[in-house]
Every structure is written in C-alpha cells, then in structure tokens.
Amino acid sequence: MIVCHCKGITDREIRNAVRDGATTPRQVSRACQAGKRCGGCHSVIGEIIESERVPSACAFAELLPAS
C-alpha cells in the first residue's frame, strides 16, 4: 500500500527502512524519502515503526522449547 503519496513510497519500503535501523519518521525519511515533502504521512510512518517494534507471535513461538 502506498503510504507517502508525494514520493510514491510503500509500507514495504518503510518497513525495510525500519528493519534496517530507522526508529523515527525523520530517519525513515532519510532512508527511503517517505515523508520528506509534505509530511502528511508521518503519523502512518510512526504507526509502522511501532508495529515493527512489536514482536510477532511467530517470533515468540521460536523461543519456546519444543514439546
């Protein structure tokens, strides 16, 4: 899904920037240009950053001992 309409940046590109170490909308902007023009997508970028910080259920399952 396109998050930054000014630059045509998708949520996938933003998630990749976060996985590569971006932890703020400004860092995401530097990494992939999302939010650099009007900034209207910064709230969505922030939500994506937060969603990437929350470990998935699959990650927890990998940590559990095998039964």
PDB file of N, CA and C in Angstrom:
ATOM      1  N   MET A   1       0.845  -1.165   0.000  1.00  0.00           N
ATOM      2  CA  MET A   1       0.000   0.000   0.000  1.00  0.00           C
ATOM      3  C   MET A   1       0.895   1.234   0.000  1.00  0.00           C
ATOM      4  N   ILE A   2       0.521   2.232  -0.776  1.00  0.00           N
ATOM      5  CA  ILE A   2       1.289   3.472  -0.808  1.00  0.00           C
ATOM      6  C   ILE A   2       0.972   4.285   0.436  1.00  0.00           C
ATOM      7  N   VAL A   3       2.010   4.658   1.164  1.00  0.00           N
ATOM      8  CA  VAL A   3       1.883   5.460   2.382  1.00  0.00           C
ATOM      9  C   VAL A   3       2.200   6.917   2.072  1.00  0.00           C
ATOM     10  N   CYS A   4       3.291   7.147   1.375  1.00  0.00           N
ATOM     11  CA  CYS A   4       3.692   8.502   1.018  1.00  0.00           C
ATOM     12  C   CYS A   4       3.299   8.746  -0.445  1.00  0.00           C
ATOM     13  N   HIS A   5       2.218   9.489  -0.614  1.00  0.00           N
ATOM     14  CA  HIS A   5       1.728   9.733  -1.973  1.00  0.00           C
ATOM     15  C   HIS A   5       2.598  10.725  -2.728  1.00  0.00           C
ATOM     16  N   CYS A   6       3.255  11.631  -2.023  1.00  0.00           N
ATOM     17  CA  CYS A   6       4.137  12.614  -2.688  1.00  0.00           C
ATOM     18  C   CYS A   6       5.295  11.931  -3.394  1.00  0.00           C
ATOM     19  N   LYS A   7       5.845  10.914  -2.762  1.00  0.00           N
ATOM     20  CA  LYS A   7       7.027  10.233  -3.301  1.00  0.00           C
ATOM     21  C   LYS A   7       6.725   8.826  -3.816  1.00  0.00           C
ATOM     22  N   GLY A   8       5.483   8.345  -3.592  1.00  0.00           N
ATOM     23  CA  GLY A   8       5.115   7.009  -4.054  1.00  0.00           C
ATOM     24  C   GLY A   8       5.788   5.893  -3.278  1.00  0.00           C
ATOM     25  N   ILE A   9       5.988   6.097  -1.978  1.00  0.00           N
ATOM     26  CA  ILE A   9       6.685   5.113  -1.141  1.00  0.00           C
ATOM     27  C   ILE A   9       5.661   4.195  -0.477  1.00  0.00           C
ATOM     28  N   THR A  10       5.935   2.907  -0.521  1.00  0.00           N
ATOM     29  CA  THR A  10       5.019   1.915   0.033  1.00  0.00           C
ATOM     30  C   THR A  10       5.356   1.566   1.480  1.00  0.00           C
ATOM     31  N   ASP A  11       4.403   0.916   2.129  1.00  0.00           N
ATOM     32  CA  ASP A  11       4.635   0.454   3.500  1.00  0.00           C
ATOM     33  C   ASP A  11       5.776  -0.551   3.540  1.00  0.00           C
ATOM     34  N   ARG A  12       5.940  -1.326   2.503  1.00  0.00           N
ATOM     35  CA  ARG A  12       7.025  -2.313   2.452  1.00  0.00           C
ATOM     36  C   ARG A  12       8.387  -1.623   2.487  1.00  0.00           C
ATOM     37  N   GLU A  13       8.519  -0.533   1.740  1.00  0.00           N
ATOM     38  CA  GLU A  13       9.780   0.209   1.737  1.00  0.00           C
ATOM     39  C   GLU A  13      10.050   0.830   3.111  1.00  0.00           C
ATOM     40  N   ILE A  14       8.996   1.308   3.743  1.00  0.00           N
ATOM     41  CA  ILE A  14       9.143   1.886   5.077  1.00  0.00           C
ATOM     42  C   ILE A  14       9.518   0.807   6.082  1.00  0.00           C
ATOM     43  N   ARG A  15       8.855  -0.337   6.020  1.00  0.00           N
ATOM     44  CA  ARG A  15       9.191  -1.452   6.918  1.00  0.00           C
ATOM     45  C   ARG A  15      10.643  -1.885   6.735  1.00  0.00           C
ATOM     46  N   ASN A  16      11.111  -1.912   5.501  1.00  0.00           N
ATOM     47  CA  ASN A  16      12.514  -2.269   5.254  1.00  0.00           C
ATOM     48  C   ASN A  16      13.452  -1.249   5.892  1.00  0.00           C
ATOM     49  N   ALA A  17      13.110   0.035   5.802  1.00  0.00           N
ATOM     50  CA  ALA A  17      13.941   1.070   6.423  1.00  0.00           C
ATOM     51  C   ALA A  17      13.979   0.881   7.935  1.00  0.00           C
ATOM     52  N   VAL A  18      12.834   0.538   8.525  1.00  0.00           N
ATOM     53  CA  VAL A  18      12.771   0.313   9.972  1.00  0.00           C
ATOM     54  C   VAL A  18      13.586  -0.920  10.342  1.00  0.00           C
ATOM     55  N   ARG A  19      13.468  -1.962   9.570  1.00  0.00           N
ATOM     56  CA  ARG A  19      14.239  -3.181   9.848  1.00  0.00           C
ATOM     57  C   ARG A  19      15.740  -2.955   9.679  1.00  0.00           C
ATOM     58  N   ASP A  20      16.083  -1.958   8.872  1.00  0.00           N
ATOM     59  CA  ASP A  20      17.499  -1.610   8.689  1.00  0.00           C
ATOM     60  C   ASP A  20      17.992  -0.619   9.741  1.00  0.00           C
ATOM     61  N   GLY A  21      17.113  -0.253  10.695  1.00  0.00           N
ATOM     62  CA  GLY A  21      17.572   0.561  11.811  1.00  0.00           C
ATOM     63  C   GLY A  21      16.897   1.898  12.030  1.00  0.00           C
ATOM     64  N   ALA A  22      16.045   2.355  11.113  1.00  0.00           N
ATOM     65  CA  ALA A  22      15.346   3.634  11.309  1.00  0.00           C
ATOM     66  C   ALA A  22      14.348   3.493  12.457  1.00  0.00           C
ATOM     67  N   THR A  23      14.379   4.442  13.393  1.00  0.00           N
ATOM     68  CA  THR A  23      13.491   4.349  14.563  1.00  0.00           C
ATOM     69  C   THR A  23      12.583   5.562  14.715  1.00  0.00           C
ATOM     70  N   THR A  24      12.700   6.536  13.824  1.00  0.00           N
ATOM     71  CA  THR A  24      11.850   7.730  13.861  1.00  0.00           C
ATOM     72  C   THR A  24      11.395   8.054  12.439  1.00  0.00           C
ATOM     73  N   PRO A  25      10.297   8.820  12.300  1.00  0.00           N
ATOM     74  CA  PRO A  25       9.878   9.233  10.956  1.00  0.00           C
ATOM     75  C   PRO A  25      10.979   9.987  10.207  1.00  0.00           C
ATOM     76  N   ARG A  26      11.762  10.793  10.910  1.00  0.00           N
ATOM     77  CA  ARG A  26      12.855  11.524  10.259  1.00  0.00           C
ATOM     78  C   ARG A  26      13.903  10.559   9.702  1.00  0.00           C
ATOM     79  N   GLN A  27      14.239   9.523  10.469  1.00  0.00           N
ATOM     80  CA  GLN A  27      15.213   8.543   9.989  1.00  0.00           C
ATOM     81  C   GLN A  27      14.660   7.757   8.806  1.00  0.00           C
ATOM     82  N   VAL A  28      13.365   7.446   8.849  1.00  0.00           N
ATOM     83  CA  VAL A  28      12.731   6.771   7.716  1.00  0.00           C
ATOM     84  C   VAL A  28      12.806   7.666   6.484  1.00  0.00           C
ATOM     85  N   SER A  29      12.548   8.958   6.660  1.00  0.00           N
ATOM     86  CA  SER A  29      12.628   9.909   5.544  1.00  0.00           C
ATOM     87  C   SER A  29      14.002   9.919   4.918  1.00  0.00           C
ATOM     88  N   ARG A  30      15.018   9.901   5.753  1.00  0.00           N
ATOM     89  CA  ARG A  30      16.390   9.877   5.237  1.00  0.00           C
ATOM     90  C   ARG A  30      16.680   8.580   4.484  1.00  0.00           C
ATOM     91  N   ALA A  31      16.139   7.485   5.004  1.00  0.00           N
ATOM     92  CA  ALA A  31      16.439   6.167   4.423  1.00  0.00           C
ATOM     93  C   ALA A  31      15.712   5.921   3.106  1.00  0.00           C
ATOM     94  N   CYS A  32      14.436   6.333   3.013  1.00  0.00           N
ATOM     95  CA  CYS A  32      13.680   5.970   1.806  1.00  0.00           C
ATOM     96  C   CYS A  32      12.875   7.121   1.200  1.00  0.00           C
ATOM     97  N   GLN A  33      13.037   8.322   1.737  1.00  0.00           N
ATOM     98  CA  GLN A  33      12.394   9.531   1.216  1.00  0.00           C
ATOM     99  C   GLN A  33      10.923   9.688   1.600  1.00  0.00           C
ATOM    100  N   ALA A  34      10.327   8.714   2.290  1.00  0.00           N
ATOM    101  CA  ALA A  34       8.923   8.831   2.700  1.00  0.00           C
ATOM    102  C   ALA A  34       8.769   9.972   3.692  1.00  0.00           C
ATOM    103  N   GLY A  35       7.777  10.830   3.480  1.00  0.00           N
ATOM    104  CA  GLY A  35       7.513  11.921   4.404  1.00  0.00           C
ATOM    105  C   GLY A  35       8.401  13.129   4.230  1.00  0.00           C
ATOM    106  N   LYS A  36       9.215  13.142   3.200  1.00  0.00           N
ATOM    107  CA  LYS A  36      10.168  14.237   3.019  1.00  0.00           C
ATOM    108  C   LYS A  36       9.548  15.487   2.421  1.00  0.00           C
ATOM    109  N   ARG A  37       8.442  15.354   1.735  1.00  0.00           N
ATOM    110  CA  ARG A  37       7.881  16.506   1.047  1.00  0.00           C
ATOM    111  C   ARG A  37       6.878  17.252   1.912  1.00  0.00           C
ATOM    112  N   CYS A  38       5.698  16.719   2.110  1.00  0.00           N
ATOM    113  CA  CYS A  38       4.673  17.460   2.870  1.00  0.00           C
ATOM    114  C   CYS A  38       4.591  17.017   4.327  1.00  0.00           C
ATOM    115  N   GLY A  39       5.004  15.793   4.621  1.00  0.00           N
ATOM    116  CA  GLY A  39       4.970  15.287   5.987  1.00  0.00           C
ATOM    117  C   GLY A  39       3.620  14.759   6.424  1.00  0.00           C
ATOM    118  N   GLY A  40       2.651  14.738   5.529  1.00  0.00           N
ATOM    119  CA  GLY A  40       1.312  14.269   5.879  1.00  0.00           C
ATOM    120  C   GLY A  40       1.246  12.803   6.268  1.00  0.00           C
ATOM    121  N   CYS A  41       2.250  12.038   5.909  1.00  0.00           N
ATOM    122  CA  CYS A  41       2.242  10.605   6.202  1.00  0.00           C
ATOM    123  C   CYS A  41       3.038  10.259   7.457  1.00  0.00           C
ATOM    124  N   HIS A  42       3.572  11.252   8.162  1.00  0.00           N
ATOM    125  CA  HIS A  42       4.400  10.968   9.342  1.00  0.00           C
ATOM    126  C   HIS A  42       3.655  10.161  10.397  1.00  0.00           C
ATOM    127  N   SER A  43       2.360  10.394  10.565  1.00  0.00           N
ATOM    128  CA  SER A  43       1.626   9.615  11.578  1.00  0.00           C
ATOM    129  C   SER A  43       1.557   8.144  11.183  1.00  0.00           C
ATOM    130  N   VAL A  44       1.350   7.873   9.909  1.00  0.00           N
ATOM    131  CA  VAL A  44       1.300   6.479   9.441  1.00  0.00           C
ATOM    132  C   VAL A  44       2.689   5.850   9.537  1.00  0.00           C
ATOM    133  N   ILE A  45       3.706   6.620   9.209  1.00  0.00           N
ATOM    134  CA  ILE A  45       5.081   6.124   9.342  1.00  0.00           C
ATOM    135  C   ILE A  45       5.341   5.754  10.800  1.00  0.00           C
ATOM    136  N   GLY A  46       4.897   6.594  11.723  1.00  0.00           N
ATOM    137  CA  GLY A  46       5.050   6.295  13.146  1.00  0.00           C
ATOM    138  C   GLY A  46       4.341   5.015  13.550  1.00  0.00           C
ATOM    139  N   GLU A  47       3.154   4.791  12.999  1.00  0.00           N
ATOM    140  CA  GLU A  47       2.416   3.556  13.291  1.00  0.00           C
ATOM    141  C   GLU A  47       3.166   2.340  12.759  1.00  0.00           C
ATOM    142  N   ILE A  48       3.746   2.471  11.593  1.00  0.00           N
ATOM    143  CA  ILE A  48       4.515   1.361  11.014  1.00  0.00           C
ATOM    144  C   ILE A  48       5.744   1.079  11.866  1.00  0.00           C
ATOM    145  N   ILE A  49       6.412   2.129  12.316  1.00  0.00           N
ATOM    146  CA  ILE A  49       7.581   1.952  13.184  1.00  0.00           C
ATOM    147  C   ILE A  49       7.175   1.187  14.440  1.00  0.00           C
ATOM    148  N   GLU A  50       6.080   1.587  15.052  1.00  0.00           N
ATOM    149  CA  GLU A  50       5.602   0.901  16.265  1.00  0.00           C
ATOM    150  C   GLU A  50       5.236  -0.547  15.981  1.00  0.00           C
ATOM    151  N   SER A  51       4.583  -0.800  14.861  1.00  0.00           N
ATOM    152  CA  SER A  51       4.178  -2.177  14.555  1.00  0.00           C
ATOM    153  C   SER A  51       5.387  -3.072  14.317  1.00  0.00           C
ATOM    154  N   GLU A  52       6.473  -2.498  13.830  1.00  0.00           N
ATOM    155  CA  GLU A  52       7.687  -3.283  13.620  1.00  0.00           C
ATOM    156  C   GLU A  52       8.424  -3.551  14.926  1.00  0.00           C
ATOM    157  N   ARG A  53       8.179  -2.744  15.929  1.00  0.00           N
ATOM    158  CA  ARG A  53       8.824  -2.950  17.236  1.00  0.00           C
ATOM    159  C   ARG A  53       8.178  -4.077  18.019  1.00  0.00           C
ATOM    160  N   VAL A  54       6.905  -4.338  17.773  1.00  0.00           N
ATOM    161  CA  VAL A  54       6.173  -5.370  18.499  1.00  0.00           C
ATOM    162  C   VAL A  54       6.538  -6.727  17.909  1.00  0.00           C
ATOM    163  N   PRO A  55       7.117  -7.604  18.719  1.00  0.00           N
ATOM    164  CA  PRO A  55       7.477  -8.931  18.206  1.00  0.00           C
ATOM    165  C   PRO A  55       6.232  -9.704  17.786  1.00  0.00           C
ATOM    166  N   SER A  56       6.345 -10.425  16.723  1.00  0.00           N
ATOM    167  CA  SER A  56       5.215 -11.221  16.246  1.00  0.00           C
ATOM    168  C   SER A  56       5.066 -12.492  17.076  1.00  0.00           C
ATOM    169  N   ALA A  57       3.904 -13.091  16.983  1.00  0.00           N
ATOM    170  CA  ALA A  57       3.649 -14.351  17.690  1.00  0.00           C
ATOM    171  C   ALA A  57       4.607 -15.431  17.198  1.00  0.00           C
ATOM    172  N   CYS A  58       4.963 -15.400  15.943  1.00  0.00           N
ATOM    173  CA  CYS A  58       5.889 -16.386  15.392  1.00  0.00           C
ATOM    174  C   CYS A  58       7.261 -16.267  16.049  1.00  0.00           C
ATOM    175  N   ALA A  59       7.699 -15.040  16.319  1.00  0.00           N
ATOM    176  CA  ALA A  59       8.985 -14.847  16.969  1.00  0.00           C
ATOM    177  C   ALA A  59       8.978 -15.452  18.361  1.00  0.00           C
ATOM    178  N   PHE A  60       7.858 -15.302  19.082  1.00  0.00           N
ATOM    179  CA  PHE A  60       7.748 -15.899  20.415  1.00  0.00           C
ATOM    180  C   PHE A  60       7.732 -17.422  20.316  1.00  0.00           C
ATOM    181  N   ALA A  61       7.069 -17.962  19.332  1.00  0.00           N
ATOM    182  CA  ALA A  61       6.989 -19.411  19.175  1.00  0.00           C
ATOM    183  C   ALA A  61       8.375 -20.021  18.955  1.00  0.00           C
ATOM    184  N   GLU A  62       9.232 -19.295  18.262  1.00  0.00           N
ATOM    185  CA  GLU A  62      10.583 -19.786  18.018  1.00  0.00           C
ATOM    186  C   GLU A  62      11.409 -19.858  19.299  1.00  0.00           C
ATOM    187  N   LEU A  63      11.050 -19.048  20.296  1.00  0.00           N
ATOM    188  CA  LEU A  63      11.797 -19.012  21.543  1.00  0.00           C
ATOM    189  C   LEU A  63      11.364 -20.109  22.516  1.00  0.00           C
ATOM    190  N   LEU A  64      10.191 -20.660  22.306  1.00  0.00           N
ATOM    191  CA  LEU A  64       9.663 -21.676  23.215  1.00  0.00           C
ATOM    192  C   LEU A  64      10.345 -23.026  22.968  1.00  0.00           C
ATOM    193  N   PRO A  65      10.584 -23.777  24.033  1.00  0.00           N
ATOM    194  CA  PRO A  65      11.181 -25.101  23.846  1.00  0.00           C
ATOM    195  C   PRO A  65      10.214 -26.030  23.123  1.00  0.00           C
ATOM    196  N   ALA A  66      10.758 -26.916  22.345  1.00  0.00           N
ATOM    197  CA  ALA A  66       9.926 -27.886  21.622  1.00  0.00           C
ATOM    198  C   ALA A  66       9.301 -28.851  22.610  1.00  0.00           C
ATOM    199  N   SER A  67       8.071 -29.224  22.346  1.00  0.00           N
ATOM    200  CA  SER A  67       7.351 -30.143  23.244  1.00  0.00           C
ATOM    201  C   SER A  67       7.653 -31.574  22.910  1.00  0.00           C
TER     202      SER A  67
END
